[in-house]
């Protein structure tokens, strides 16, 4: 059974989407993101299955929450470095987690 210590080993951070574009090579409809996580982590990339509710244009400038310390994944030749978090009402549907108000890029969630 997971413990509170296990949870706090996960590095959850806030970042702002700088760039978003359709990821046509992905098997499942996805958007490639470049996210600014502030001076400590810098800019990281992610492939996210967000196409049901979001367009690339609607994501630019939006703050997201992501797991930043779980390693990289190669998705159709693209290196995804972080896992953007959202609720999943259905297997193919992602609703991004939203902050109540803006915070600095790189702020930890905990």
Protein backbone atom coordinates (compact mmCIF):
# COMPACT_ATOMS: atom_id res chain seq x y z
CA UNK A 1 0.00 0.00 0.00
CA UNK A 2 1.38 3.45 -0.91
CA UNK A 3 2.38 5.72 1.95
CA UNK A 4 2.43 9.52 2.31
CA UNK A 5 6.21 9.27 1.79
CA UNK A 6 5.57 7.65 -1.62
CA UNK A 7 3.31 10.55 -2.62
CA UNK A 8 5.87 13.18 -1.65
CA UNK A 9 8.53 11.46 -3.78
CA UNK A 10 6.53 12.56 -6.84
CA UNK A 11 7.61 16.02 -7.99
CA UNK A 12 4.47 17.90 -9.03
CA UNK A 13 5.09 21.38 -10.46
CA UNK A 14 3.23 24.23 -12.09
CA UNK A 15 4.32 25.39 -15.53
CA UNK A 16 3.08 27.65 -18.31
CA UNK A 17 2.55 26.31 -21.83
CA UNK A 18 4.79 28.26 -24.21
CA UNK A 19 4.16 26.29 -27.37
CA UNK A 20 1.53 23.77 -28.46
CA UNK A 21 1.05 21.99 -31.77
CA UNK A 22 -0.85 18.98 -33.09
CA UNK A 23 1.12 15.75 -32.83
CA UNK A 24 0.03 13.93 -35.96
CA UNK A 25 2.55 11.07 -35.65
CA UNK A 26 1.14 9.91 -32.31
CA UNK A 27 -1.08 6.81 -32.42
CA UNK A 28 -3.74 8.53 -30.28
CA UNK A 29 -4.70 12.15 -31.01
CA UNK A 30 -2.28 14.30 -29.03
CA UNK A 31 -0.76 17.74 -28.69
CA UNK A 32 2.97 18.40 -28.27
CA UNK A 33 3.70 20.95 -25.57
CA UNK A 34 6.67 23.03 -24.46
CA UNK A 35 6.16 24.09 -20.84
CA UNK A 36 8.16 26.59 -18.79
CA UNK A 37 8.76 25.28 -15.26
CA UNK A 38 10.85 28.25 -14.11
CA UNK A 39 14.58 28.68 -13.54
CA UNK A 40 15.14 25.44 -11.59
CA UNK A 41 13.69 23.03 -14.18
CA UNK A 42 13.54 25.16 -17.31
CA UNK A 43 11.51 24.26 -20.37
CA UNK A 44 10.27 20.68 -20.66
CA UNK A 45 8.33 18.89 -23.39
CA UNK A 46 5.27 16.70 -23.18
CA UNK A 47 2.90 14.83 -25.45
CA UNK A 48 -0.63 15.00 -24.04
CA UNK A 49 -3.91 13.50 -25.23
CA UNK A 50 -5.89 16.70 -24.83
CA UNK A 51 -7.63 17.01 -28.20
CA UNK A 52 -11.18 16.32 -26.98
CA UNK A 53 -11.45 19.62 -25.06
CA UNK A 54 -8.46 21.73 -26.11
CA UNK A 55 -6.90 23.14 -29.25
CA UNK A 56 -3.20 23.95 -29.37
CA UNK A 57 -4.05 27.66 -29.49
CA UNK A 58 -6.19 27.44 -26.33
CA UNK A 59 -3.31 25.92 -24.37
CA UNK A 60 -0.69 28.60 -25.02
CA UNK A 61 -0.26 30.73 -21.89
CA UNK A 62 -2.24 28.29 -19.72
CA UNK A 63 -0.75 27.05 -16.45
CA UNK A 64 -0.73 23.27 -16.03
CA UNK A 65 0.27 20.83 -13.31
CA UNK A 66 2.71 18.08 -14.27
CA UNK A 67 4.78 15.27 -12.81
CA UNK A 68 8.37 16.27 -13.55
CA UNK A 69 10.50 13.44 -12.14
CA UNK A 70 9.30 10.21 -13.74
CA UNK A 71 11.80 10.07 -16.58
CA UNK A 72 11.29 10.41 -20.30
CA UNK A 73 9.14 8.52 -22.78
CA UNK A 74 9.66 8.19 -26.51
CA UNK A 75 6.34 8.72 -28.25
CA UNK A 76 6.53 8.36 -32.03
CA UNK A 77 10.05 9.81 -32.09
CA UNK A 78 9.23 12.65 -29.67
CA UNK A 79 10.78 12.72 -26.19
CA UNK A 80 8.12 13.48 -23.60
CA UNK A 81 9.78 14.68 -20.38
CA UNK A 82 6.81 15.42 -18.08
CA UNK A 83 3.32 14.04 -17.51
CA UNK A 84 0.64 16.74 -17.62
CA UNK A 85 -2.16 15.95 -15.16
CA UNK A 86 -5.89 15.96 -15.66
CA UNK A 87 -9.07 14.19 -14.69
CA UNK A 88 -10.19 11.38 -17.01
CA UNK A 89 -13.98 10.98 -17.10
CA UNK A 90 -13.43 8.50 -19.97
CA UNK A 91 -10.36 6.69 -21.27
CA UNK A 92 -9.94 9.10 -24.20
CA UNK A 93 -11.00 12.29 -22.36
CA UNK A 94 -8.68 14.51 -20.31
CA UNK A 95 -9.80 17.61 -18.41
CA UNK A 96 -6.75 19.56 -17.22
CA UNK A 97 -6.30 20.39 -13.57
CA UNK A 98 -6.73 24.13 -13.05
CA UNK A 99 -5.26 26.50 -10.49
CA UNK A 100 -7.48 28.91 -8.60
CA UNK A 101 -5.07 31.76 -9.37
CA UNK A 102 -1.73 32.13 -11.17
CA UNK A 103 1.50 31.18 -9.40
CA UNK A 104 5.14 31.35 -10.43
CA UNK A 105 6.38 28.71 -12.84
CA UNK A 106 8.09 25.86 -11.00
CA UNK A 107 6.02 26.11 -7.82
CA UNK A 108 5.69 22.68 -6.18
CA UNK A 109 2.36 21.02 -5.54
CA UNK A 110 2.24 19.27 -2.22
